[in-house]
N, C-alpha and C. Protein backbone atom coordinates (compact mmCIF):
# COMPACT_ATOMS: atom_id res chain seq x y z
N MET A 1 90.93 182.20 88.02
CA MET A 1 92.16 182.47 88.80
C MET A 1 92.15 181.33 89.70
N ARG A 2 91.53 182.17 90.97
CA ARG A 2 91.55 181.86 92.12
C ARG A 2 91.15 180.29 92.26
N LEU A 3 90.13 180.02 91.76
CA LEU A 3 89.85 179.00 91.69
C LEU A 3 90.77 177.38 91.39
N LEU A 4 91.83 178.08 90.69
CA LEU A 4 93.07 177.33 89.96
C LEU A 4 94.53 177.55 90.81
N ASP A 5 94.25 178.71 91.87
CA ASP A 5 95.80 178.74 92.40
C ASP A 5 95.06 177.60 94.10
N SER A 6 93.70 177.79 93.95
CA SER A 6 92.96 176.83 95.53
C SER A 6 93.12 175.28 94.82
N ALA A 7 92.87 174.86 93.45
CA ALA A 7 93.17 173.46 93.24
C ALA A 7 94.47 173.30 92.97
N ILE A 8 95.41 173.98 92.83
CA ILE A 8 97.03 173.73 92.98
C ILE A 8 97.52 173.49 94.43
N LEU A 9 97.08 174.25 95.17
CA LEU A 9 97.17 174.27 96.75
C LEU A 9 96.56 172.56 97.52
N LEU A 10 95.14 172.64 97.26
CA LEU A 10 94.76 171.56 97.45
C LEU A 10 95.94 170.22 97.15
N VAL A 11 96.06 170.09 96.09
CA VAL A 11 96.95 169.12 95.42
C VAL A 11 98.09 168.57 96.23
N SER A 12 98.64 169.89 96.10
CA SER A 12 99.97 170.00 96.81
C SER A 12 100.44 169.88 98.23
N LEU A 13 99.12 169.85 98.87
CA LEU A 13 99.34 169.67 100.49
C LEU A 13 99.51 168.26 101.05
N PRO A 14 98.80 167.16 100.15
CA PRO A 14 99.78 165.97 100.38
C PRO A 14 101.11 165.87 101.01
N LEU A 15 101.63 166.60 99.57
CA LEU A 15 103.06 166.37 99.02
C LEU A 15 103.58 167.08 100.33
N ILE A 16 103.27 168.23 100.63
CA ILE A 16 104.18 169.05 101.43
C ILE A 16 103.92 168.54 102.69
N GLY A 17 103.38 167.49 103.47
CA GLY A 17 102.64 167.12 104.56
C GLY A 17 103.40 165.69 104.70
N SER A 18 103.64 164.87 103.24
CA SER A 18 104.19 163.58 103.36
C SER A 18 106.04 164.41 103.62
N GLN A 19 106.40 165.18 102.59
CA GLN A 19 107.75 165.59 102.72
C GLN A 19 108.47 166.30 104.64
N LYS A 20 107.24 166.65 105.55
CA LYS A 20 107.43 166.41 106.46
C LYS A 20 107.81 165.38 107.71
N VAL A 21 106.94 164.54 106.51
CA VAL A 21 106.90 163.32 107.57
C VAL A 21 108.14 162.68 107.17
N ARG A 22 108.93 162.81 105.90
CA ARG A 22 110.48 162.04 105.87
C ARG A 22 110.99 162.74 106.17
N MET A 23 111.24 164.02 106.95
CA MET A 23 112.14 164.69 107.25
C MET A 23 112.44 164.34 108.68
N ARG A 24 110.65 163.94 109.44
CA ARG A 24 110.94 163.75 110.55
C ARG A 24 111.06 162.47 110.38
N SER A 25 111.34 161.02 109.84
CA SER A 25 111.68 159.70 110.05
C SER A 25 113.33 159.70 109.30
N SER A 26 114.04 160.91 109.05
CA SER A 26 115.28 160.65 108.71
C SER A 26 115.99 161.43 109.58
N LEU A 27 115.53 161.66 111.18
CA LEU A 27 115.97 162.63 111.99
C LEU A 27 117.28 161.66 112.70
N VAL A 28 118.29 162.08 112.95
CA VAL A 28 119.51 161.24 113.19
C VAL A 28 119.92 161.74 114.70
N CYS A 29 119.65 161.15 115.54
CA CYS A 29 120.42 161.23 116.82
C CYS A 29 121.72 160.50 117.38
N MET A 30 123.11 161.47 116.79
CA MET A 30 123.94 161.08 117.63
C MET A 30 124.39 160.57 118.45
N ASN A 31 124.01 161.46 119.65
CA ASN A 31 124.25 160.53 120.94
C ASN A 31 122.96 160.61 121.84
N GLY A 32 122.12 159.90 121.02
CA GLY A 32 121.21 159.98 122.48
C GLY A 32 119.92 159.34 121.54
N GLU A 33 118.65 159.58 121.45
CA GLU A 33 117.30 158.27 120.98
C GLU A 33 116.68 159.06 120.39
N ARG A 34 115.62 159.03 119.74
CA ARG A 34 114.90 159.82 118.77
C ARG A 34 113.59 159.36 119.71
N SER A 35 112.54 160.66 120.18
CA SER A 35 111.03 160.31 120.45
C SER A 35 110.46 161.34 119.94
N GLY A 36 109.96 160.57 119.57
CA GLY A 36 108.39 161.52 119.40
C GLY A 36 109.04 162.84 118.42
N GLY A 37 109.57 162.35 117.25
CA GLY A 37 110.13 163.61 116.50
C GLY A 37 111.36 164.68 116.41
N HIS A 38 111.87 164.47 117.75
CA HIS A 38 112.68 165.02 118.00
C HIS A 38 114.03 164.07 119.04
N CYS A 39 115.32 164.12 119.03
CA CYS A 39 116.16 163.82 120.19
C CYS A 39 115.91 164.00 121.66
N VAL A 40 116.47 162.68 122.08
CA VAL A 40 116.51 162.93 123.39
C VAL A 40 118.17 162.86 123.57
N CYS A 41 118.80 163.97 124.42
CA CYS A 41 120.16 163.37 124.71
C CYS A 41 120.38 162.85 125.37
N ASN A 42 121.97 162.09 125.10
CA ASN A 42 122.15 161.51 126.40
C ASN A 42 122.96 162.60 127.53
N GLU A 43 123.35 162.38 128.54
CA GLU A 43 123.62 163.19 129.50
C GLU A 43 124.90 164.17 129.30
N ASP A 44 125.73 163.94 128.88
CA ASP A 44 126.75 165.16 128.65
C ASP A 44 126.84 165.88 126.90
N TYR A 45 125.05 165.25 126.22
CA TYR A 45 125.15 166.07 124.93
C TYR A 45 123.74 166.86 124.61
N VAL A 46 124.10 167.78 124.11
CA VAL A 46 122.91 168.78 123.67
C VAL A 46 122.64 168.91 121.92
N GLY A 47 121.88 169.53 121.92
CA GLY A 47 121.88 169.74 120.11
C GLY A 47 120.88 169.77 119.98
N VAL A 48 120.34 169.73 118.48
CA VAL A 48 118.97 169.06 118.03
C VAL A 48 119.06 167.77 117.35
N HIS A 49 120.79 167.54 116.69
CA HIS A 49 121.00 166.07 116.68
C HIS A 49 121.90 165.65 117.73
N CYS A 50 121.69 166.09 118.80
CA CYS A 50 122.67 165.33 120.48
C CYS A 50 124.51 165.35 119.85
N GLU A 51 124.51 166.49 119.01
CA GLU A 51 126.28 165.99 118.46
C GLU A 51 126.90 167.18 118.91
N LYS A 52 126.40 167.99 120.23
CA LYS A 52 127.54 169.07 120.67
C LYS A 52 127.46 168.69 122.38
N LYS A 53 128.93 167.85 122.53
CA LYS A 53 129.37 167.90 123.90
C LYS A 53 129.45 168.88 124.99
N LYS A 54 129.20 168.57 126.14
CA LYS A 54 128.99 169.49 127.01
C LYS A 54 130.32 169.83 127.96
N MET A 55 131.05 170.85 127.91
CA MET A 55 132.76 171.07 128.18
C MET A 55 132.08 171.94 129.41
N CYS A 56 131.81 171.22 130.26
CA CYS A 56 131.75 172.00 131.77
C CYS A 56 132.90 172.00 132.47
N ASP A 57 133.69 172.53 133.25
CA ASP A 57 134.80 172.52 133.80
C ASP A 57 134.63 171.58 135.35
N SER A 58 133.57 171.20 135.46
CA SER A 58 133.39 170.03 136.77
C SER A 58 132.18 169.29 136.36
N TYR A 59 131.76 168.40 137.33
CA TYR A 59 130.57 167.54 137.07
C TYR A 59 129.36 167.87 137.68
N SER A 60 129.26 169.05 138.36
CA SER A 60 128.47 169.27 139.03
C SER A 60 127.62 170.13 137.79
N ARG A 61 126.16 170.45 138.11
CA ARG A 61 125.39 170.56 137.27
C ARG A 61 124.37 171.13 138.13
N SER A 62 123.03 171.83 137.32
CA SER A 62 122.26 172.78 138.32
C SER A 62 120.93 171.68 137.96
N SER A 63 120.23 172.01 138.66
CA SER A 63 118.74 170.80 138.13
C SER A 63 118.09 170.66 136.98
N LYS A 64 118.67 171.95 135.97
CA LYS A 64 118.46 172.00 134.34
C LYS A 64 119.31 171.26 133.54
N GLY A 65 120.25 170.90 134.45
CA GLY A 65 121.80 169.87 133.20
C GLY A 65 122.22 171.32 133.04
N THR A 66 122.61 172.62 133.02
CA THR A 66 123.41 173.44 132.95
C THR A 66 124.41 173.82 133.58
N CYS A 67 125.68 174.10 132.95
CA CYS A 67 126.97 174.26 133.88
C CYS A 67 127.18 175.53 134.85
N PHE A 68 127.64 175.03 135.69
CA PHE A 68 128.27 176.31 136.75
C PHE A 68 129.33 177.13 136.16
N GLY A 69 130.38 176.17 135.49
CA GLY A 69 131.26 177.02 134.41
C GLY A 69 132.17 176.33 133.67
N CYS A 70 132.80 177.01 132.79
CA CYS A 70 132.84 176.07 131.42
C CYS A 70 134.40 176.09 131.05
N MET A 71 134.96 174.99 130.39
CA MET A 71 136.18 174.42 130.10
C MET A 71 136.84 176.08 129.34
N PRO A 72 138.11 176.09 129.59
CA PRO A 72 138.48 177.28 128.71
C PRO A 72 138.41 176.88 127.25
N GLY A 73 137.92 178.31 126.52
CA GLY A 73 137.67 178.02 124.97
C GLY A 73 136.08 177.38 124.70
N TYR A 74 135.54 177.54 125.86
CA TYR A 74 133.66 177.33 125.69
C TYR A 74 132.81 178.27 125.95
N GLU A 75 131.54 178.59 125.99
CA GLU A 75 130.82 179.15 126.26
C GLU A 75 129.51 179.07 125.88
N GLY A 76 128.14 179.17 126.63
CA GLY A 76 127.15 179.02 126.72
C GLY A 76 126.44 178.45 127.57
N GLU A 77 125.53 178.52 127.88
CA GLU A 77 124.69 177.93 128.74
C GLU A 77 124.94 176.55 129.34
N TYR A 78 125.26 175.54 128.22
CA TYR A 78 125.84 174.13 128.45
C TYR A 78 127.43 174.04 128.42
N CYS A 79 128.03 175.04 127.58
CA CYS A 79 129.34 174.87 127.70
C CYS A 79 129.49 174.45 126.11
N GLU A 80 128.18 174.33 125.09
CA GLU A 80 128.70 173.63 124.04
C GLU A 80 129.09 174.43 122.87
N ASN A 81 129.49 175.69 123.31
CA ASN A 81 130.06 176.43 121.75
C ASN A 81 130.96 177.01 121.80
N ILE A 82 132.02 176.54 121.01
CA ILE A 82 133.62 176.74 121.10
C ILE A 82 133.56 177.86 120.96
N VAL A 83 134.72 178.80 121.06
CA VAL A 83 134.91 179.98 121.28
C VAL A 83 136.45 180.36 120.35
N CYS A 84 135.96 180.82 119.40
CA CYS A 84 137.47 180.84 118.25
C CYS A 84 137.85 181.85 118.32
N GLY A 85 138.87 182.53 119.05
CA GLY A 85 139.85 183.64 119.37
C GLY A 85 140.16 184.34 117.53
N HIS A 86 140.60 183.91 117.10
CA HIS A 86 140.90 184.97 115.50
C HIS A 86 140.47 183.95 114.67
N GLY A 87 139.53 183.80 113.96
CA GLY A 87 138.74 182.87 113.54
C GLY A 87 137.40 182.16 113.47
N LYS A 88 136.66 181.94 112.48
CA LYS A 88 135.32 181.98 113.16
C LYS A 88 134.79 179.97 113.13
N VAL A 89 134.09 179.76 113.92
CA VAL A 89 133.70 178.73 113.98
C VAL A 89 132.65 177.88 112.81
N HIS A 90 133.69 176.64 112.55
CA HIS A 90 133.25 176.32 111.36
C HIS A 90 132.04 175.81 110.85
N GLU A 91 131.30 175.62 110.09
CA GLU A 91 129.63 175.28 109.83
C GLU A 91 129.69 174.17 110.74
N ASN A 92 130.36 173.45 111.27
CA ASN A 92 129.15 172.28 111.84
C ASN A 92 129.56 172.42 113.35
N GLY A 93 129.72 173.55 113.57
CA GLY A 93 129.72 174.23 114.95
C GLY A 93 130.79 173.38 116.23
N LEU A 94 131.74 172.41 115.63
CA LEU A 94 132.24 172.18 116.61
C LEU A 94 133.52 172.65 116.66
N SER A 95 133.91 172.43 115.78
CA SER A 95 135.59 173.30 115.62
C SER A 95 135.58 174.97 115.17
N CYS A 96 137.05 175.30 114.96
CA CYS A 96 137.38 176.39 114.49
C CYS A 96 137.71 176.40 112.80
N SER A 97 137.50 177.49 112.10
CA SER A 97 138.24 177.60 111.06
C SER A 97 138.98 178.91 111.46
N CYS A 98 139.95 178.95 111.42
CA CYS A 98 141.41 180.00 111.73
C CYS A 98 141.61 181.09 110.87
N ASP A 99 142.00 182.25 111.02
CA ASP A 99 142.54 183.02 110.31
C ASP A 99 144.11 182.99 110.39
N LEU A 100 144.21 182.98 108.89
CA LEU A 100 146.13 183.33 109.04
C LEU A 100 146.63 184.37 110.28
N PRO A 101 147.60 184.36 110.43
CA PRO A 101 148.68 182.86 110.51
C PRO A 101 148.42 181.83 111.95
N TYR A 102 147.41 182.26 112.58
CA TYR A 102 146.58 181.37 113.86
C TYR A 102 146.43 180.02 113.85
N SER A 103 146.71 179.31 114.37
CA SER A 103 146.24 177.95 114.36
C SER A 103 146.17 177.70 116.08
N GLY A 104 145.73 176.16 116.24
CA GLY A 104 145.04 175.29 117.06
C GLY A 104 144.05 175.30 117.45
N PRO A 105 143.24 174.59 118.17
CA PRO A 105 141.81 174.55 118.54
C PRO A 105 140.74 175.41 118.40
N PHE A 106 141.42 176.25 119.16
CA PHE A 106 140.80 177.61 118.91
C PHE A 106 141.10 179.03 118.47
N CYS A 107 141.90 178.69 117.50
CA CYS A 107 142.83 179.89 117.15
C CYS A 107 143.57 180.65 117.48
N ASP A 108 143.93 180.15 118.91
CA ASP A 108 144.62 181.19 119.51
C ASP A 108 146.41 180.95 119.83
N TYR A 109 146.49 180.20 118.65
CA TYR A 109 148.35 179.90 118.93
C TYR A 109 149.05 180.29 117.87
N LEU A 110 150.14 180.96 117.87
CA LEU A 110 150.99 181.51 116.87
C LEU A 110 152.14 180.24 116.67
N ALA A 111 152.08 179.91 115.68
CA ALA A 111 153.18 179.21 115.79
C ALA A 111 154.82 179.95 114.68
N GLU A 112 156.16 180.35 115.24
CA GLU A 112 157.31 180.65 114.42
C GLU A 112 156.94 180.18 112.82
N GLY A 113 156.64 179.37 112.74
CA GLY A 113 156.90 179.32 111.07
C GLY A 113 155.56 179.55 110.22
N ASP A 114 154.39 179.35 110.76
CA ASP A 114 153.16 179.92 110.21
C ASP A 114 153.39 181.40 109.97
N VAL A 115 154.15 182.07 111.16
CA VAL A 115 154.09 183.28 111.07
C VAL A 115 155.05 183.69 109.79
N TYR A 116 156.17 183.65 110.27
CA TYR A 116 156.81 183.21 109.17
C TYR A 116 156.69 183.29 107.34
N ARG A 117 156.02 182.02 107.44
CA ARG A 117 155.77 181.89 105.94
C ARG A 117 154.18 182.64 105.54
N PHE A 118 153.33 183.09 106.84
CA PHE A 118 152.55 184.12 106.04
C PHE A 118 152.76 185.32 105.66
N TYR A 119 153.40 185.47 106.56
CA TYR A 119 154.54 187.04 106.12
C TYR A 119 155.42 187.06 104.49
N ASN A 120 156.01 186.26 104.56
CA ASN A 120 156.65 185.61 103.57
C ASN A 120 155.97 185.49 102.16
N ASN A 121 154.90 185.09 102.70
CA ASN A 121 154.30 184.69 100.97
C ASN A 121 153.42 185.72 100.65
N ARG A 122 152.95 187.26 101.89
CA ARG A 122 152.30 188.29 101.67
C ARG A 122 153.09 189.37 100.96
N HIS A 123 154.80 188.94 101.67
CA HIS A 123 155.50 189.84 100.51
C HIS A 123 155.61 189.36 99.34
N TYR A 124 156.19 188.50 99.21
CA TYR A 124 156.75 187.55 97.53
C TYR A 124 155.11 187.87 96.62
N LYS A 125 154.07 187.81 97.53
CA LYS A 125 152.90 188.88 96.25
C LYS A 125 152.90 190.00 95.99
N MET A 126 153.49 190.93 96.90
CA MET A 126 153.66 191.94 96.55
C MET A 126 155.04 192.75 96.31
N GLY A 127 155.55 192.08 96.06
CA GLY A 127 157.23 192.08 95.74
C GLY A 127 156.95 193.15 94.63
N PRO A 128 156.52 193.13 93.15
CA PRO A 128 157.01 194.08 92.49
C PRO A 128 156.04 195.45 92.31
N LEU A 129 154.97 195.37 93.55
CA LEU A 129 154.49 196.37 93.86
C LEU A 129 155.56 197.10 95.04
N GLY A 130 156.06 196.45 95.61
CA GLY A 130 156.87 196.93 96.81
C GLY A 130 158.10 197.60 96.08
N VAL A 131 158.30 197.45 95.11
CA VAL A 131 159.66 197.69 94.36
C VAL A 131 159.37 199.26 93.97
N LEU A 132 158.40 199.44 93.32
CA LEU A 132 157.70 200.48 92.78
C LEU A 132 157.48 201.19 93.85
N LEU A 133 157.22 201.03 94.67
CA LEU A 133 156.82 202.10 96.28
C LEU A 133 158.26 202.47 96.64
N ILE A 134 159.44 201.27 97.04
CA ILE A 134 160.25 201.46 97.66
C ILE A 134 161.31 202.16 96.82
N ILE A 135 161.32 202.79 95.44
CA ILE A 135 162.53 203.84 95.07
C ILE A 135 162.49 204.93 95.32
N PRO A 136 160.65 205.29 95.27
CA PRO A 136 160.64 206.69 95.36
C PRO A 136 160.89 207.38 97.15
N MET A 137 160.64 206.43 97.74
CA MET A 137 160.80 206.15 98.74
C MET A 137 162.13 206.32 99.53
N CYS A 138 163.27 205.61 98.96
CA CYS A 138 164.47 206.24 99.18
C CYS A 138 165.06 207.18 98.38
N ALA A 139 165.10 207.50 97.56
CA ALA A 139 164.80 209.11 96.66
C ALA A 139 164.32 210.14 97.75
N ILE A 140 162.96 210.19 98.35
CA ILE A 140 162.95 211.34 99.41
C ILE A 140 163.69 211.23 100.84
N TYR A 141 164.10 210.06 101.11
CA TYR A 141 164.90 209.57 101.87
C TYR A 141 166.62 210.48 101.82
N TYR A 142 166.82 209.75 100.99
CA TYR A 142 168.54 210.65 100.58
C TYR A 142 168.12 212.12 100.31
N GLY A 143 167.02 212.40 100.00
CA GLY A 143 167.06 214.07 99.33
C GLY A 143 166.79 214.31 101.02
N CYS A 144 165.96 214.08 102.06
CA CYS A 144 165.93 214.63 103.10
C CYS A 144 167.55 214.98 104.06
N GLU A 145 167.85 213.45 103.89
CA GLU A 145 169.05 213.84 104.73
C GLU A 145 170.33 214.40 103.94
N TRP A 146 170.26 214.60 102.38
CA TRP A 146 171.00 216.15 101.75
C TRP A 146 170.64 217.10 102.28
N MET A 147 169.18 217.44 102.18
CA MET A 147 168.51 218.93 103.14
C MET A 147 169.20 219.20 104.15
N ALA A 148 169.04 217.68 104.95
CA ALA A 148 169.07 218.04 106.79
C ALA A 148 170.79 218.44 106.46
N ARG A 149 171.70 217.61 105.75
CA ARG A 149 173.45 218.28 105.88
C ARG A 149 173.45 219.66 105.46
N LYS A 150 172.85 220.10 104.88
CA LYS A 150 172.77 221.40 104.05
C LYS A 150 172.57 222.47 105.12
N LYS A 151 171.73 222.28 105.86
CA LYS A 151 170.80 222.93 106.92
C LYS A 151 172.07 222.91 108.15
N GLU A 152 172.37 221.83 108.47
CA GLU A 152 173.54 221.35 109.78
C GLU A 152 174.56 222.37 109.16
N VAL A 153 175.02 222.27 108.17
CA VAL A 153 176.47 223.02 107.50
C VAL A 153 176.17 224.57 108.01
N LYS A 154 174.91 225.07 107.36
CA LYS A 154 174.59 226.30 107.39
C LYS A 154 174.38 226.66 109.13
N ARG A 155 173.78 225.92 109.39
CA ARG A 155 173.73 226.26 110.70
C ARG A 155 175.36 226.30 111.64
N VAL A 156 175.98 225.63 111.87
CA VAL A 156 177.41 225.30 112.56
C VAL A 156 177.58 226.82 112.10
N ALA A 157 177.64 226.96 110.79
CA ALA A 157 178.86 228.11 109.99
C ALA A 157 178.30 229.06 110.63
N LEU A 158 176.72 229.61 110.94
CA LEU A 158 176.64 230.59 111.36
C LEU A 158 176.82 231.11 112.98
N MET A 159 176.92 229.53 113.06
CA MET A 159 176.97 230.14 114.78
C MET A 159 178.42 230.04 115.26
N LEU A 160 179.56 229.17 114.31
CA LEU A 160 180.76 229.92 114.55
C LEU A 160 181.18 231.38 114.33
N GLU A 161 180.64 231.57 113.05
CA GLU A 161 180.19 233.44 112.48
C GLU A 161 179.84 234.12 113.77
N ASP A 162 178.94 234.03 114.74
CA ASP A 162 178.55 234.68 115.79
C ASP A 162 179.61 234.19 117.01
N GLN A 163 180.08 233.49 117.27
CA GLN A 163 181.16 233.34 117.99
C GLN A 163 182.17 234.16 118.03
N THR A 164 183.20 233.78 116.87
CA THR A 164 184.24 234.56 116.58
C THR A 164 184.54 235.68 115.81
N HIS A 165 183.72 236.21 115.28
CA HIS A 165 183.46 237.15 114.53
C HIS A 165 184.22 237.13 113.15
N LEU A 166 184.44 236.00 112.52
CA LEU A 166 185.35 236.03 111.30
C LEU A 166 184.33 235.36 110.47
N THR A 167 184.77 235.13 109.04
CA THR A 167 184.08 234.63 108.41
C THR A 167 184.64 232.67 108.17
N VAL A 168 183.54 231.94 108.22
CA VAL A 168 183.63 230.81 107.94
C VAL A 168 183.53 230.35 106.85
N ARG A 169 184.42 229.48 106.13
CA ARG A 169 184.08 228.78 104.62
C ARG A 169 183.05 227.45 105.06
N LYS A 170 182.13 227.68 104.53
CA LYS A 170 181.07 225.59 104.25
C LYS A 170 181.40 224.83 104.02
N ASP A 171 182.58 224.43 103.15
CA ASP A 171 183.19 223.50 102.66
C ASP A 171 184.09 223.19 104.00
N THR A 172 185.06 224.31 104.84
CA THR A 172 186.04 223.66 105.61
C THR A 172 184.61 223.40 106.91
N VAL A 173 184.01 223.64 107.39
CA VAL A 173 182.92 223.55 108.14
C VAL A 173 182.04 221.84 107.54
N LYS A 174 181.57 221.81 106.48
CA LYS A 174 181.39 220.32 105.92
C LYS A 174 182.68 219.95 106.05
N ARG A 175 183.60 219.80 105.37
CA ARG A 175 184.53 218.68 106.05
C ARG A 175 185.13 218.64 107.80
N LEU A 176 185.15 219.32 108.31
CA LEU A 176 185.00 219.07 110.00
C LEU A 176 184.09 218.17 110.71
N LEU A 177 182.86 218.44 109.77
CA LEU A 177 181.62 217.71 110.49
C LEU A 177 181.76 215.99 110.03
N ASP A 178 182.37 215.78 108.66
CA ASP A 178 182.65 214.59 108.06
C ASP A 178 183.78 213.88 109.06
N ILE A 179 184.73 214.77 109.64
CA ILE A 179 185.68 214.33 110.60
C ILE A 179 185.09 213.00 111.49
N ASP A 180 185.13 211.71 111.55
CA ASP A 180 184.79 211.05 113.09
C ASP A 180 185.84 210.92 114.16
N VAL A 181 185.82 211.06 114.97
CA VAL A 181 186.05 211.85 116.37
C VAL A 181 186.62 210.41 117.25
C-alpha cells in the first residue's frame, strides 16, 4: 500500500508544481509591476495585487513608506484599511456593506427616509403578531386603570371620613373626582 501511495505522489508532483507556476504567471498587479512572482506597487498603493490605495492625511511618509496619520474612515500602517462604522468590510476590502438603516461610504450616515423605510417595513412584517400582543396589553392597561381609580376613590373617601367624622358615599366621591375644574 505504501508503494502505491508513493507512486501516486511521484506522479502528482509535476502537476502540483505546474499549478504553482500557472498561479504565479496569472498574477495581476492592478497599480504596479510584476517582479519575481510578486507585485511591486506604485508609490501610493499597497496589497498583494496593489489594489489598496494609501489614504494618508498628508503627503509626508516615513522612510518605510508608512503614513503618519490617516484620513477619516481609514486605519492601518499604510491607512489602507477602511473602517465601517455600522457594517462589514466588503469582501473586496475596498468598500463597506452597511447594516440597515445605515448608509454612506463608511456606514455612518442615517438618512431620514432610510430610517422610516426600515422601521415601517419591520412593523409591517410584525403586524399580525403585533395585533395579538396589543390586545392583551390594552386589556391589562385598562384593568390597571380601573383598579387605580377604584383605590383612589376609596383613599379619598377614607380621608374625608377621618377629617369630617361623617359617613361618605363612594359614588359621590367618584362623581366629585370626575368633575373637571
